[in-house]
Amino acid sequence: MNFDIKAEQVAAGIWVIALTGEVDLYTAPEFKQQLLDAIGQGATYVVVDLTDTTFIDSTTLGVLVGGVKRLRPEGGQLTIVCTDRNITKIFEITGLNRVFPIHASRAEALESAGVTEAQRS
């Protein structure tokens, strides 16, 4: 099972969680914990980078929806970075593409959060 997760704060209140490999029933709990940790540390804008993700399942979608539910009451937002057509299709079929903004690159997602290139360096 190939899975890796990296979480980093890129600016005040803005976090990126990058997932690699398969995010499923077995690995989603680790993703959920990282997401909750980021929110617990003051994240109000979370970018979930699925660029190197090869598979997601309904458990992953549940974690993402749970993250949105925790962020929105505080005025926060969760966005997705994804270029894999098979994965973006899952968001479209479930209607979640209307819940999460989906960006083609991490830079684009961070720009929508107001993070400048200088801050990302």
PDB file of N, CA and C in Angstrom:
ATOM      1  N   MET A   1       0.853  -1.184   0.000  1.00  0.00           N
ATOM      2  CA  MET A   1       0.000   0.000   0.000  1.00  0.00           C
ATOM      3  C   MET A   1       0.893   1.240   0.000  1.00  0.00           C
ATOM      4  N   ASN A   2       0.794   2.043  -1.027  1.00  0.00           N
ATOM      5  CA  ASN A   2       1.610   3.251  -1.097  1.00  0.00           C
ATOM      6  C   ASN A   2       0.780   4.463  -0.683  1.00  0.00           C
ATOM      7  N   PHE A   3       1.203   5.089   0.392  1.00  0.00           N
ATOM      8  CA  PHE A   3       0.500   6.262   0.895  1.00  0.00           C
ATOM      9  C   PHE A   3       1.493   7.133   1.646  1.00  0.00           C
ATOM     10  N   ASP A   4       1.366   8.440   1.434  1.00  0.00           N
ATOM     11  CA  ASP A   4       2.181   9.386   2.184  1.00  0.00           C
ATOM     12  C   ASP A   4       1.360  10.651   2.358  1.00  0.00           C
ATOM     13  N   ILE A   5       1.642  11.355   3.431  1.00  0.00           N
ATOM     14  CA  ILE A   5       0.930  12.598   3.708  1.00  0.00           C
ATOM     15  C   ILE A   5       1.932  13.609   4.247  1.00  0.00           C
ATOM     16  N   LYS A   6       1.815  14.833   3.735  1.00  0.00           N
ATOM     17  CA  LYS A   6       2.670  15.923   4.210  1.00  0.00           C
ATOM     18  C   LYS A   6       1.777  17.123   4.470  1.00  0.00           C
ATOM     19  N   ALA A   7       1.898  17.681   5.657  1.00  0.00           N
ATOM     20  CA  ALA A   7       1.105  18.859   6.012  1.00  0.00           C
ATOM     21  C   ALA A   7       2.062  19.983   6.358  1.00  0.00           C
ATOM     22  N   GLU A   8       1.757  21.173   5.844  1.00  0.00           N
ATOM     23  CA  GLU A   8       2.599  22.323   6.165  1.00  0.00           C
ATOM     24  C   GLU A   8       1.770  23.592   6.202  1.00  0.00           C
ATOM     25  N   GLN A   9       2.142  24.460   7.131  1.00  0.00           N
ATOM     26  CA  GLN A   9       1.515  25.769   7.198  1.00  0.00           C
ATOM     27  C   GLN A   9       2.304  26.682   6.270  1.00  0.00           C
ATOM     28  N   VAL A  10       1.622  27.285   5.295  1.00  0.00           N
ATOM     29  CA  VAL A  10       2.309  28.119   4.309  1.00  0.00           C
ATOM     30  C   VAL A  10       2.163  29.605   4.594  1.00  0.00           C
ATOM     31  N   ALA A  11       1.186  29.970   5.405  1.00  0.00           N
ATOM     32  CA  ALA A  11       0.965  31.362   5.819  1.00  0.00           C
ATOM     33  C   ALA A  11       0.047  31.296   7.038  1.00  0.00           C
ATOM     34  N   ALA A  12      -0.177  32.416   7.664  1.00  0.00           N
ATOM     35  CA  ALA A  12      -1.032  32.447   8.848  1.00  0.00           C
ATOM     36  C   ALA A  12      -2.422  31.904   8.515  1.00  0.00           C
ATOM     37  N   GLY A  13      -2.798  30.807   9.162  1.00  0.00           N
ATOM     38  CA  GLY A  13      -4.114  30.215   8.975  1.00  0.00           C
ATOM     39  C   GLY A  13      -4.291  29.420   7.699  1.00  0.00           C
ATOM     40  N   ILE A  14      -3.230  29.291   6.897  1.00  0.00           N
ATOM     41  CA  ILE A  14      -3.344  28.595   5.604  1.00  0.00           C
ATOM     42  C   ILE A  14      -2.413  27.376   5.598  1.00  0.00           C
ATOM     43  N   TRP A  15      -3.017  26.227   5.377  1.00  0.00           N
ATOM     44  CA  TRP A  15      -2.288  24.960   5.389  1.00  0.00           C
ATOM     45  C   TRP A  15      -2.456  24.232   4.066  1.00  0.00           C
ATOM     46  N   VAL A  16      -1.433  23.459   3.710  1.00  0.00           N
ATOM     47  CA  VAL A  16      -1.504  22.549   2.567  1.00  0.00           C
ATOM     48  C   VAL A  16      -1.289  21.142   3.103  1.00  0.00           C
ATOM     49  N   ILE A  17      -2.197  20.253   2.739  1.00  0.00           N
ATOM     50  CA  ILE A  17      -2.036  18.840   3.061  1.00  0.00           C
ATOM     51  C   ILE A  17      -1.922  18.109   1.731  1.00  0.00           C
ATOM     52  N   ALA A  18      -0.749  17.540   1.471  1.00  0.00           N
ATOM     53  CA  ALA A  18      -0.484  16.844   0.211  1.00  0.00           C
ATOM     54  C   ALA A  18      -0.569  15.342   0.451  1.00  0.00           C
ATOM     55  N   LEU A  19      -1.386  14.682  -0.343  1.00  0.00           N
ATOM     56  CA  LEU A  19      -1.581  13.245  -0.227  1.00  0.00           C
ATOM     57  C   LEU A  19      -0.971  12.547  -1.432  1.00  0.00           C
ATOM     58  N   THR A  20      -0.292  11.441  -1.180  1.00  0.00           N
ATOM     59  CA  THR A  20       0.342  10.667  -2.239  1.00  0.00           C
ATOM     60  C   THR A  20      -0.155   9.234  -2.161  1.00  0.00           C
ATOM     61  N   GLY A  21      -0.463   8.661  -3.314  1.00  0.00           N
ATOM     62  CA  GLY A  21      -0.871   7.265  -3.359  1.00  0.00           C
ATOM     63  C   GLY A  21      -2.366   7.089  -3.197  1.00  0.00           C
ATOM     64  N   GLU A  22      -2.748   5.987  -2.560  1.00  0.00           N
ATOM     65  CA  GLU A  22      -4.151   5.640  -2.393  1.00  0.00           C
ATOM     66  C   GLU A  22      -4.675   6.129  -1.050  1.00  0.00           C
ATOM     67  N   VAL A  23      -5.765   6.871  -1.097  1.00  0.00           N
ATOM     68  CA  VAL A  23      -6.402   7.350   0.126  1.00  0.00           C
ATOM     69  C   VAL A  23      -7.733   6.613   0.223  1.00  0.00           C
ATOM     70  N   ASP A  24      -7.784   5.642   1.125  1.00  0.00           N
ATOM     71  CA  ASP A  24      -8.955   4.777   1.210  1.00  0.00           C
ATOM     72  C   ASP A  24      -9.309   4.505   2.662  1.00  0.00           C
ATOM     73  N   LEU A  25     -10.123   3.490   2.876  1.00  0.00           N
ATOM     74  CA  LEU A  25     -10.595   3.132   4.202  1.00  0.00           C
ATOM     75  C   LEU A  25      -9.446   2.980   5.200  1.00  0.00           C
ATOM     76  N   TYR A  26      -8.305   2.497   4.745  1.00  0.00           N
ATOM     77  CA  TYR A  26      -7.179   2.223   5.629  1.00  0.00           C
ATOM     78  C   TYR A  26      -6.298   3.436   5.896  1.00  0.00           C
ATOM     79  N   THR A  27      -6.217   4.336   4.929  1.00  0.00           N
ATOM     80  CA  THR A  27      -5.321   5.484   5.076  1.00  0.00           C
ATOM     81  C   THR A  27      -6.055   6.780   5.407  1.00  0.00           C
ATOM     82  N   ALA A  28      -7.363   6.824   5.157  1.00  0.00           N
ATOM     83  CA  ALA A  28      -8.142   8.041   5.427  1.00  0.00           C
ATOM     84  C   ALA A  28      -8.091   8.490   6.893  1.00  0.00           C
ATOM     85  N   PRO A  29      -8.033   7.576   7.876  1.00  0.00           N
ATOM     86  CA  PRO A  29      -7.947   8.049   9.266  1.00  0.00           C
ATOM     87  C   PRO A  29      -6.705   8.907   9.535  1.00  0.00           C
ATOM     88  N   GLU A  30      -5.590   8.582   8.898  1.00  0.00           N
ATOM     89  CA  GLU A  30      -4.379   9.391   9.057  1.00  0.00           C
ATOM     90  C   GLU A  30      -4.578  10.770   8.430  1.00  0.00           C
ATOM     91  N   PHE A  31      -5.230  10.801   7.267  1.00  0.00           N
ATOM     92  CA  PHE A  31      -5.562  12.069   6.616  1.00  0.00           C
ATOM     93  C   PHE A  31      -6.487  12.891   7.512  1.00  0.00           C
ATOM     94  N   LYS A  32      -7.501  12.243   8.074  1.00  0.00           N
ATOM     95  CA  LYS A  32      -8.444  12.941   8.951  1.00  0.00           C
ATOM     96  C   LYS A  32      -7.715  13.559  10.136  1.00  0.00           C
ATOM     97  N   GLN A  33      -6.792  12.805  10.722  1.00  0.00           N
ATOM     98  CA  GLN A  33      -6.058  13.318  11.878  1.00  0.00           C
ATOM     99  C   GLN A  33      -5.204  14.530  11.502  1.00  0.00           C
ATOM    100  N   GLN A  34      -4.552  14.484  10.353  1.00  0.00           N
ATOM    101  CA  GLN A  34      -3.747  15.622   9.903  1.00  0.00           C
ATOM    102  C   GLN A  34      -4.624  16.849   9.679  1.00  0.00           C
ATOM    103  N   LEU A  35      -5.806  16.629   9.090  1.00  0.00           N
ATOM    104  CA  LEU A  35      -6.734  17.725   8.837  1.00  0.00           C
ATOM    105  C   LEU A  35      -7.221  18.328  10.157  1.00  0.00           C
ATOM    106  N   LEU A  36      -7.594  17.475  11.106  1.00  0.00           N
ATOM    107  CA  LEU A  36      -8.039  17.965  12.415  1.00  0.00           C
ATOM    108  C   LEU A  36      -6.920  18.680  13.154  1.00  0.00           C
ATOM    109  N   ASP A  37      -5.697  18.169  13.035  1.00  0.00           N
ATOM    110  CA  ASP A  37      -4.543  18.831  13.668  1.00  0.00           C
ATOM    111  C   ASP A  37      -4.337  20.227  13.095  1.00  0.00           C
ATOM    112  N   ALA A  38      -4.425  20.352  11.773  1.00  0.00           N
ATOM    113  CA  ALA A  38      -4.246  21.657  11.129  1.00  0.00           C
ATOM    114  C   ALA A  38      -5.328  22.629  11.599  1.00  0.00           C
ATOM    115  N   ILE A  39      -6.576  22.170  11.624  1.00  0.00           N
ATOM    116  CA  ILE A  39      -7.670  23.027  12.078  1.00  0.00           C
ATOM    117  C   ILE A  39      -7.477  23.394  13.545  1.00  0.00           C
ATOM    118  N   GLY A  40      -7.027  22.434  14.332  1.00  0.00           N
ATOM    119  CA  GLY A  40      -6.756  22.681  15.745  1.00  0.00           C
ATOM    120  C   GLY A  40      -5.647  23.698  15.972  1.00  0.00           C
ATOM    121  N   GLN A  41      -4.747  23.811  14.992  1.00  0.00           N
ATOM    122  CA  GLN A  41      -3.641  24.769  15.093  1.00  0.00           C
ATOM    123  C   GLN A  41      -3.983  26.099  14.428  1.00  0.00           C
ATOM    124  N   GLY A  42      -5.265  26.297  14.131  1.00  0.00           N
ATOM    125  CA  GLY A  42      -5.696  27.600  13.636  1.00  0.00           C
ATOM    126  C   GLY A  42      -5.901  27.719  12.146  1.00  0.00           C
ATOM    127  N   ALA A  43      -5.880  26.603  11.414  1.00  0.00           N
ATOM    128  CA  ALA A  43      -6.109  26.673   9.964  1.00  0.00           C
ATOM    129  C   ALA A  43      -7.533  27.131   9.690  1.00  0.00           C
ATOM    130  N   THR A  44      -7.644  28.109   8.803  1.00  0.00           N
ATOM    131  CA  THR A  44      -8.963  28.537   8.354  1.00  0.00           C
ATOM    132  C   THR A  44      -9.126  28.298   6.854  1.00  0.00           C
ATOM    133  N   TYR A  45      -8.027  28.072   6.177  1.00  0.00           N
ATOM    134  CA  TYR A  45      -8.029  27.784   4.744  1.00  0.00           C
ATOM    135  C   TYR A  45      -7.117  26.585   4.544  1.00  0.00           C
ATOM    136  N   VAL A  46      -7.680  25.481   4.069  1.00  0.00           N
ATOM    137  CA  VAL A  46      -6.892  24.265   3.873  1.00  0.00           C
ATOM    138  C   VAL A  46      -6.938  23.873   2.398  1.00  0.00           C
ATOM    139  N   VAL A  47      -5.766  23.669   1.830  1.00  0.00           N
ATOM    140  CA  VAL A  47      -5.626  23.171   0.466  1.00  0.00           C
ATOM    141  C   VAL A  47      -5.263  21.695   0.574  1.00  0.00           C
ATOM    142  N   VAL A  48      -6.099  20.839   0.014  1.00  0.00           N
ATOM    143  CA  VAL A  48      -5.793  19.414  -0.029  1.00  0.00           C
ATOM    144  C   VAL A  48      -5.274  19.121  -1.427  1.00  0.00           C
ATOM    145  N   ASP A  49      -3.982  18.816  -1.499  1.00  0.00           N
ATOM    146  CA  ASP A  49      -3.311  18.610  -2.781  1.00  0.00           C
ATOM    147  C   ASP A  49      -3.359  17.124  -3.152  1.00  0.00           C
ATOM    148  N   LEU A  50      -4.158  16.803  -4.160  1.00  0.00           N
ATOM    149  CA  LEU A  50      -4.306  15.426  -4.633  1.00  0.00           C
ATOM    150  C   LEU A  50      -3.501  15.173  -5.911  1.00  0.00           C
ATOM    151  N   THR A  51      -2.539  16.032  -6.202  1.00  0.00           N
ATOM    152  CA  THR A  51      -1.754  15.913  -7.431  1.00  0.00           C
ATOM    153  C   THR A  51      -1.126  14.532  -7.584  1.00  0.00           C
ATOM    154  N   ASP A  52      -0.585  13.982  -6.501  1.00  0.00           N
ATOM    155  CA  ASP A  52       0.085  12.680  -6.556  1.00  0.00           C
ATOM    156  C   ASP A  52      -0.765  11.549  -5.988  1.00  0.00           C
ATOM    157  N   THR A  53      -2.067  11.793  -5.892  1.00  0.00           N
ATOM    158  CA  THR A  53      -2.985  10.775  -5.386  1.00  0.00           C
ATOM    159  C   THR A  53      -3.477   9.934  -6.562  1.00  0.00           C
ATOM    160  N   THR A  54      -3.484   8.616  -6.363  1.00  0.00           N
ATOM    161  CA  THR A  54      -3.877   7.718  -7.439  1.00  0.00           C
ATOM    162  C   THR A  54      -5.291   7.170  -7.269  1.00  0.00           C
ATOM    163  N   PHE A  55      -5.836   7.281  -6.046  1.00  0.00           N
ATOM    164  CA  PHE A  55      -7.158   6.715  -5.785  1.00  0.00           C
ATOM    165  C   PHE A  55      -7.747   7.351  -4.537  1.00  0.00           C
ATOM    166  N   ILE A  56      -9.058   7.641  -4.572  1.00  0.00           N
ATOM    167  CA  ILE A  56      -9.785   8.047  -3.373  1.00  0.00           C
ATOM    168  C   ILE A  56     -11.085   7.250  -3.333  1.00  0.00           C
ATOM    169  N   ASP A  57     -11.624   7.076  -2.130  1.00  0.00           N
ATOM    170  CA  ASP A  57     -12.901   6.381  -2.010  1.00  0.00           C
ATOM    171  C   ASP A  57     -13.870   7.227  -1.195  1.00  0.00           C
ATOM    172  N   SER A  58     -15.008   6.644  -0.861  1.00  0.00           N
ATOM    173  CA  SER A  58     -16.037   7.394  -0.139  1.00  0.00           C
ATOM    174  C   SER A  58     -15.567   7.816   1.252  1.00  0.00           C
ATOM    175  N   THR A  59     -14.665   7.058   1.837  1.00  0.00           N
ATOM    176  CA  THR A  59     -14.127   7.445   3.150  1.00  0.00           C
ATOM    177  C   THR A  59     -13.376   8.767   3.037  1.00  0.00           C
ATOM    178  N   THR A  60     -12.621   8.901   1.987  1.00  0.00           N
ATOM    179  CA  THR A  60     -11.875  10.142   1.734  1.00  0.00           C
ATOM    180  C   THR A  60     -12.840  11.303   1.541  1.00  0.00           C
ATOM    181  N   LEU A  61     -13.893  11.079   0.770  1.00  0.00           N
ATOM    182  CA  LEU A  61     -14.888  12.128   0.562  1.00  0.00           C
ATOM    183  C   LEU A  61     -15.518  12.535   1.890  1.00  0.00           C
ATOM    184  N   GLY A  62     -15.756  11.559   2.757  1.00  0.00           N
ATOM    185  CA  GLY A  62     -16.316  11.852   4.077  1.00  0.00           C
ATOM    186  C   GLY A  62     -15.392  12.717   4.914  1.00  0.00           C
ATOM    187  N   VAL A  63     -14.097  12.451   4.840  1.00  0.00           N
ATOM    188  CA  VAL A  63     -13.117  13.263   5.572  1.00  0.00           C
ATOM    189  C   VAL A  63     -13.135  14.697   5.045  1.00  0.00           C
ATOM    190  N   LEU A  64     -13.190  14.851   3.727  1.00  0.00           N
ATOM    191  CA  LEU A  64     -13.215  16.185   3.123  1.00  0.00           C
ATOM    192  C   LEU A  64     -14.472  16.952   3.531  1.00  0.00           C
ATOM    193  N   VAL A  65     -15.619  16.289   3.486  1.00  0.00           N
ATOM    194  CA  VAL A  65     -16.875  16.940   3.875  1.00  0.00           C
ATOM    195  C   VAL A  65     -16.828  17.321   5.352  1.00  0.00           C
ATOM    196  N   GLY A  66     -16.290  16.432   6.184  1.00  0.00           N
ATOM    197  CA  GLY A  66     -16.146  16.739   7.610  1.00  0.00           C
ATOM    198  C   GLY A  66     -15.259  17.955   7.838  1.00  0.00           C
ATOM    199  N   GLY A  67     -14.193  18.072   7.040  1.00  0.00           N
ATOM    200  CA  GLY A  67     -13.304  19.232   7.146  1.00  0.00           C
ATOM    201  C   GLY A  67     -14.023  20.523   6.806  1.00  0.00           C
ATOM    202  N   VAL A  68     -14.832  20.485   5.753  1.00  0.00           N
ATOM    203  CA  VAL A  68     -15.604  21.672   5.359  1.00  0.00           C
ATOM    204  C   VAL A  68     -16.558  22.070   6.477  1.00  0.00           C
ATOM    205  N   LYS A  69     -17.207  21.079   7.076  1.00  0.00           N
ATOM    206  CA  LYS A  69     -18.166  21.360   8.150  1.00  0.00           C
ATOM    207  C   LYS A  69     -17.496  22.009   9.360  1.00  0.00           C
ATOM    208  N   ARG A  70     -16.243  21.669   9.598  1.00  0.00           N
ATOM    209  CA  ARG A  70     -15.509  22.281  10.718  1.00  0.00           C
ATOM    210  C   ARG A  70     -14.987  23.677  10.367  1.00  0.00           C
ATOM    211  N   LEU A  71     -14.637  23.888   9.116  1.00  0.00           N
ATOM    212  CA  LEU A  71     -14.046  25.165   8.704  1.00  0.00           C
ATOM    213  C   LEU A  71     -15.081  26.262   8.442  1.00  0.00           C
ATOM    214  N   ARG A  72     -16.174  25.922   7.837  1.00  0.00           N
ATOM    215  CA  ARG A  72     -17.150  26.938   7.414  1.00  0.00           C
ATOM    216  C   ARG A  72     -17.724  27.796   8.536  1.00  0.00           C
ATOM    217  N   PRO A  73     -18.066  27.236   9.695  1.00  0.00           N
ATOM    218  CA  PRO A  73     -18.625  28.095  10.756  1.00  0.00           C
ATOM    219  C   PRO A  73     -17.666  29.206  11.178  1.00  0.00           C
ATOM    220  N   GLU A  74     -16.384  28.998  10.973  1.00  0.00           N
ATOM    221  CA  GLU A  74     -15.364  29.999  11.323  1.00  0.00           C
ATOM    222  C   GLU A  74     -14.996  30.861  10.111  1.00  0.00           C
ATOM    223  N   GLY A  75     -15.754  30.719   9.021  1.00  0.00           N
ATOM    224  CA  GLY A  75     -15.462  31.481   7.812  1.00  0.00           C
ATOM    225  C   GLY A  75     -14.352  30.876   6.990  1.00  0.00           C
ATOM    226  N   GLY A  76     -14.006  29.632   7.276  1.00  0.00           N
ATOM    227  CA  GLY A  76     -12.908  28.976   6.578  1.00  0.00           C
ATOM    228  C   GLY A  76     -13.347  28.275   5.311  1.00  0.00           C
ATOM    229  N   GLN A  77     -12.374  27.701   4.617  1.00  0.00           N
ATOM    230  CA  GLN A  77     -12.644  27.035   3.351  1.00  0.00           C
ATOM    231  C   GLN A  77     -11.657  25.902   3.135  1.00  0.00           C
ATOM    232  N   LEU A  78     -12.110  24.879   2.435  1.00  0.00           N
ATOM    233  CA  LEU A  78     -11.258  23.772   2.030  1.00  0.00           C
ATOM    234  C   LEU A  78     -11.304  23.712   0.512  1.00  0.00           C
ATOM    235  N   THR A  79     -10.142  23.680  -0.107  1.00  0.00           N
ATOM    236  CA  THR A  79     -10.078  23.590  -1.562  1.00  0.00           C
ATOM    237  C   THR A  79      -9.238  22.383  -1.954  1.00  0.00           C
ATOM    238  N   ILE A  80      -9.423  21.965  -3.178  1.00  0.00           N
ATOM    239  CA  ILE A  80      -8.766  20.766  -3.701  1.00  0.00           C
ATOM    240  C   ILE A  80      -7.857  21.146  -4.862  1.00  0.00           C
ATOM    241  N   VAL A  81      -6.696  20.491  -4.927  1.00  0.00           N
ATOM    242  CA  VAL A  81      -5.836  20.573  -6.105  1.00  0.00           C
ATOM    243  C   VAL A  81      -5.860  19.185  -6.730  1.00  0.00           C
ATOM    244  N   CYS A  82      -6.323  19.098  -7.969  1.00  0.00           N
ATOM    245  CA  CYS A  82      -6.411  17.800  -8.624  1.00  0.00           C
ATOM    246  C   CYS A  82      -6.419  17.973 -10.136  1.00  0.00           C
ATOM    247  N   THR A  83      -5.595  17.177 -10.807  1.00  0.00           N
ATOM    248  CA  THR A  83      -5.575  17.185 -12.267  1.00  0.00           C
ATOM    249  C   THR A  83      -5.947  15.825 -12.839  1.00  0.00           C
ATOM    250  N   ASP A  84      -6.066  14.811 -11.981  1.00  0.00           N
ATOM    251  CA  ASP A  84      -6.405  13.463 -12.425  1.00  0.00           C
ATOM    252  C   ASP A  84      -7.880  13.422 -12.813  1.00  0.00           C
ATOM    253  N   ARG A  85      -8.158  13.163 -14.067  1.00  0.00           N
ATOM    254  CA  ARG A  85      -9.529  13.196 -14.569  1.00  0.00           C
ATOM    255  C   ARG A  85     -10.425  12.177 -13.862  1.00  0.00           C
ATOM    256  N   ASN A  86      -9.874  11.015 -13.517  1.00  0.00           N
ATOM    257  CA  ASN A  86     -10.671   9.996 -12.832  1.00  0.00           C
ATOM    258  C   ASN A  86     -11.109  10.469 -11.444  1.00  0.00           C
ATOM    259  N   ILE A  87     -10.237  11.185 -10.765  1.00  0.00           N
ATOM    260  CA  ILE A  87     -10.576  11.677  -9.426  1.00  0.00           C
ATOM    261  C   ILE A  87     -11.517  12.874  -9.520  1.00  0.00           C
ATOM    262  N   THR A  88     -11.260  13.795 -10.439  1.00  0.00           N
ATOM    263  CA  THR A  88     -12.169  14.944 -10.551  1.00  0.00           C
ATOM    264  C   THR A  88     -13.566  14.480 -10.971  1.00  0.00           C
ATOM    265  N   LYS A  89     -13.627  13.404 -11.717  1.00  0.00           N
ATOM    266  CA  LYS A  89     -14.922  12.855 -12.127  1.00  0.00           C
ATOM    267  C   LYS A  89     -15.725  12.399 -10.901  1.00  0.00           C
ATOM    268  N   ILE A  90     -15.050  11.864  -9.890  1.00  0.00           N
ATOM    269  CA  ILE A  90     -15.724  11.450  -8.651  1.00  0.00           C
ATOM    270  C   ILE A  90     -16.388  12.661  -7.995  1.00  0.00           C
ATOM    271  N   PHE A  91     -15.682  13.776  -7.967  1.00  0.00           N
ATOM    272  CA  PHE A  91     -16.257  14.996  -7.387  1.00  0.00           C
ATOM    273  C   PHE A  91     -17.465  15.471  -8.201  1.00  0.00           C
ATOM    274  N   GLU A  92     -17.387  15.342  -9.507  1.00  0.00           N
ATOM    275  CA  GLU A  92     -18.492  15.761 -10.376  1.00  0.00           C
ATOM    276  C   GLU A  92     -19.715  14.853 -10.206  1.00  0.00           C
ATOM    277  N   ILE A  93     -19.490  13.549 -10.186  1.00  0.00           N
ATOM    278  CA  ILE A  93     -20.591  12.591 -10.059  1.00  0.00           C
ATOM    279  C   ILE A  93     -21.328  12.771  -8.729  1.00  0.00           C
ATOM    280  N   THR A  94     -20.576  13.023  -7.678  1.00  0.00           N
ATOM    281  CA  THR A  94     -21.175  13.173  -6.343  1.00  0.00           C
ATOM    282  C   THR A  94     -21.711  14.578  -6.093  1.00  0.00           C
ATOM    283  N   GLY A  95     -21.405  15.508  -6.996  1.00  0.00           N
ATOM    284  CA  GLY A  95     -21.837  16.895  -6.810  1.00  0.00           C
ATOM    285  C   GLY A  95     -20.934  17.676  -5.875  1.00  0.00           C
ATOM    286  N   LEU A  96     -19.868  17.054  -5.405  1.00  0.00           N
ATOM    287  CA  LEU A  96     -18.973  17.733  -4.467  1.00  0.00           C
ATOM    288  C   LEU A  96     -18.097  18.782  -5.146  1.00  0.00           C
ATOM    289  N   ASN A  97     -18.086  18.798  -6.469  1.00  0.00           N
ATOM    290  CA  ASN A  97     -17.351  19.866  -7.165  1.00  0.00           C
ATOM    291  C   ASN A  97     -18.021  21.218  -6.918  1.00  0.00           C
ATOM    292  N   ARG A  98     -19.266  21.198  -6.418  1.00  0.00           N
ATOM    293  CA  ARG A  98     -19.939  22.448  -6.055  1.00  0.00           C
ATOM    294  C   ARG A  98     -19.667  22.825  -4.595  1.00  0.00           C
ATOM    295  N   VAL A  99     -19.101  21.890  -3.836  1.00  0.00           N
ATOM    296  CA  VAL A  99     -18.775  22.133  -2.427  1.00  0.00           C
ATOM    297  C   VAL A  99     -17.335  22.596  -2.287  1.00  0.00           C
ATOM    298  N   PHE A 100     -16.448  21.958  -3.042  1.00  0.00           N
ATOM    299  CA  PHE A 100     -15.019  22.274  -2.981  1.00  0.00           C
ATOM    300  C   PHE A 100     -14.571  22.942  -4.269  1.00  0.00           C
ATOM    301  N   PRO A 101     -13.948  24.113  -4.178  1.00  0.00           N
ATOM    302  CA  PRO A 101     -13.297  24.642  -5.376  1.00  0.00           C
ATOM    303  C   PRO A 101     -12.168  23.678  -5.767  1.00  0.00           C
ATOM    304  N   ILE A 102     -12.070  23.335  -7.034  1.00  0.00           N
ATOM    305  CA  ILE A 102     -11.021  22.425  -7.511  1.00  0.00           C
ATOM    306  C   ILE A 102     -10.094  23.203  -8.423  1.00  0.00           C
ATOM    307  N   HIS A 103      -8.813  23.196  -8.064  1.00  0.00           N
ATOM    308  CA  HIS A 103      -7.799  23.955  -8.803  1.00  0.00           C
ATOM    309  C   HIS A 103      -6.846  23.006  -9.515  1.00  0.00           C
ATOM    310  N   ALA A 104      -6.237  23.495 -10.584  1.00  0.00           N
ATOM    311  CA  ALA A 104      -5.314  22.693 -11.376  1.00  0.00           C
ATOM    312  C   ALA A 104      -3.904  22.654 -10.794  1.00  0.00           C
ATOM    313  N   SER A 105      -3.588  23.589  -9.893  1.00  0.00           N
ATOM    314  CA  SER A 105      -2.240  23.608  -9.310  1.00  0.00           C
ATOM    315  C   SER A 105      -2.292  24.153  -7.888  1.00  0.00           C
ATOM    316  N   ARG A 106      -1.275  23.814  -7.128  1.00  0.00           N
ATOM    317  CA  ARG A 106      -1.166  24.317  -5.763  1.00  0.00           C
ATOM    318  C   ARG A 106      -1.032  25.837  -5.776  1.00  0.00           C
ATOM    319  N   ALA A 107      -0.264  26.357  -6.719  1.00  0.00           N
ATOM    320  CA  ALA A 107      -0.074  27.805  -6.816  1.00  0.00           C
ATOM    321  C   ALA A 107      -1.410  28.511  -7.038  1.00  0.00           C
ATOM    322  N   GLU A 108      -2.238  27.949  -7.914  1.00  0.00           N
ATOM    323  CA  GLU A 108      -3.547  28.532  -8.194  1.00  0.00           C
ATOM    324  C   GLU A 108      -4.437  28.503  -6.940  1.00  0.00           C
ATOM    325  N   ALA A 109      -4.397  27.395  -6.210  1.00  0.00           N
ATOM    326  CA  ALA A 109      -5.204  27.275  -4.988  1.00  0.00           C
ATOM    327  C   ALA A 109      -4.743  28.267  -3.930  1.00  0.00           C
ATOM    328  N   LEU A 110      -3.437  28.410  -3.778  1.00  0.00           N
ATOM    329  CA  LEU A 110      -2.921  29.352  -2.781  1.00  0.00           C
ATOM    330  C   LEU A 110      -3.189  30.789  -3.191  1.00  0.00           C
ATOM    331  N   GLU A 111      -3.120  31.052  -4.481  1.00  0.00           N
ATOM    332  CA  GLU A 111      -3.429  32.397  -4.974  1.00  0.00           C
ATOM    333  C   GLU A 111      -4.883  32.762  -4.645  1.00  0.00           C
ATOM    334  N   SER A 112      -5.780  31.785  -4.762  1.00  0.00           N
ATOM    335  CA  SER A 112      -7.190  32.050  -4.440  1.00  0.00           C
ATOM    336  C   SER A 112      -7.370  32.322  -2.949  1.00  0.00           C
ATOM    337  N   ALA A 113      -6.410  31.867  -2.144  1.00  0.00           N
ATOM    338  CA  ALA A 113      -6.449  32.128  -0.699  1.00  0.00           C
ATOM    339  C   ALA A 113      -5.770  33.449  -0.358  1.00  0.00           C
ATOM    340  N   GLY A 114      -5.189  34.093  -1.370  1.00  0.00           N
ATOM    341  CA  GLY A 114      -4.524  35.365  -1.134  1.00  0.00           C
ATOM    342  C   GLY A 114      -3.054  35.240  -0.752  1.00  0.00           C
ATOM    343  N   VAL A 115      -2.480  34.047  -0.955  1.00  0.00           N
ATOM    344  CA  VAL A 115      -1.069  33.838  -0.650  1.00  0.00           C
ATOM    345  C   VAL A 115      -0.249  34.229  -1.866  1.00  0.00           C
ATOM    346  N   THR A 116       0.687  35.147  -1.678  1.00  0.00           N
ATOM    347  CA  THR A 116       1.525  35.604  -2.792  1.00  0.00           C
ATOM    348  C   THR A 116       2.661  34.614  -3.045  1.00  0.00           C
ATOM    349  N   GLU A 117       3.267  34.729  -4.212  1.00  0.00           N
ATOM    350  CA  GLU A 117       4.382  33.844  -4.544  1.00  0.00           C
ATOM    351  C   GLU A 117       5.554  34.049  -3.563  1.00  0.00           C
ATOM    352  N   ALA A 118       5.753  35.276  -3.132  1.00  0.00           N
ATOM    353  CA  ALA A 118       6.824  35.565  -2.171  1.00  0.00           C
ATOM    354  C   ALA A 118       6.599  34.808  -0.866  1.00  0.00           C
ATOM    355  N   GLN A 119       5.340  34.714  -0.443  1.00  0.00           N
ATOM    356  CA  GLN A 119       5.026  33.992   0.798  1.00  0.00           C
ATOM    357  C   GLN A 119       5.228  32.500   0.650  1.00  0.00           C
ATOM    358  N   ARG A 120       5.054  31.975  -0.585  1.00  0.00           N
ATOM    359  CA  ARG A 120       5.200  30.544  -0.817  1.00  0.00           C
ATOM    360  C   ARG A 120       6.657  30.114  -0.865  1.00  0.00           C
ATOM    361  N   SER A 121       7.550  31.006  -1.161  1.00  0.00           N
ATOM    362  CA  SER A 121       8.963  30.640  -1.342  1.00  0.00           C
ATOM    363  C   SER A 121       9.638  30.306  -0.039  1.00  0.00           C
TER     364      SER A 121
END
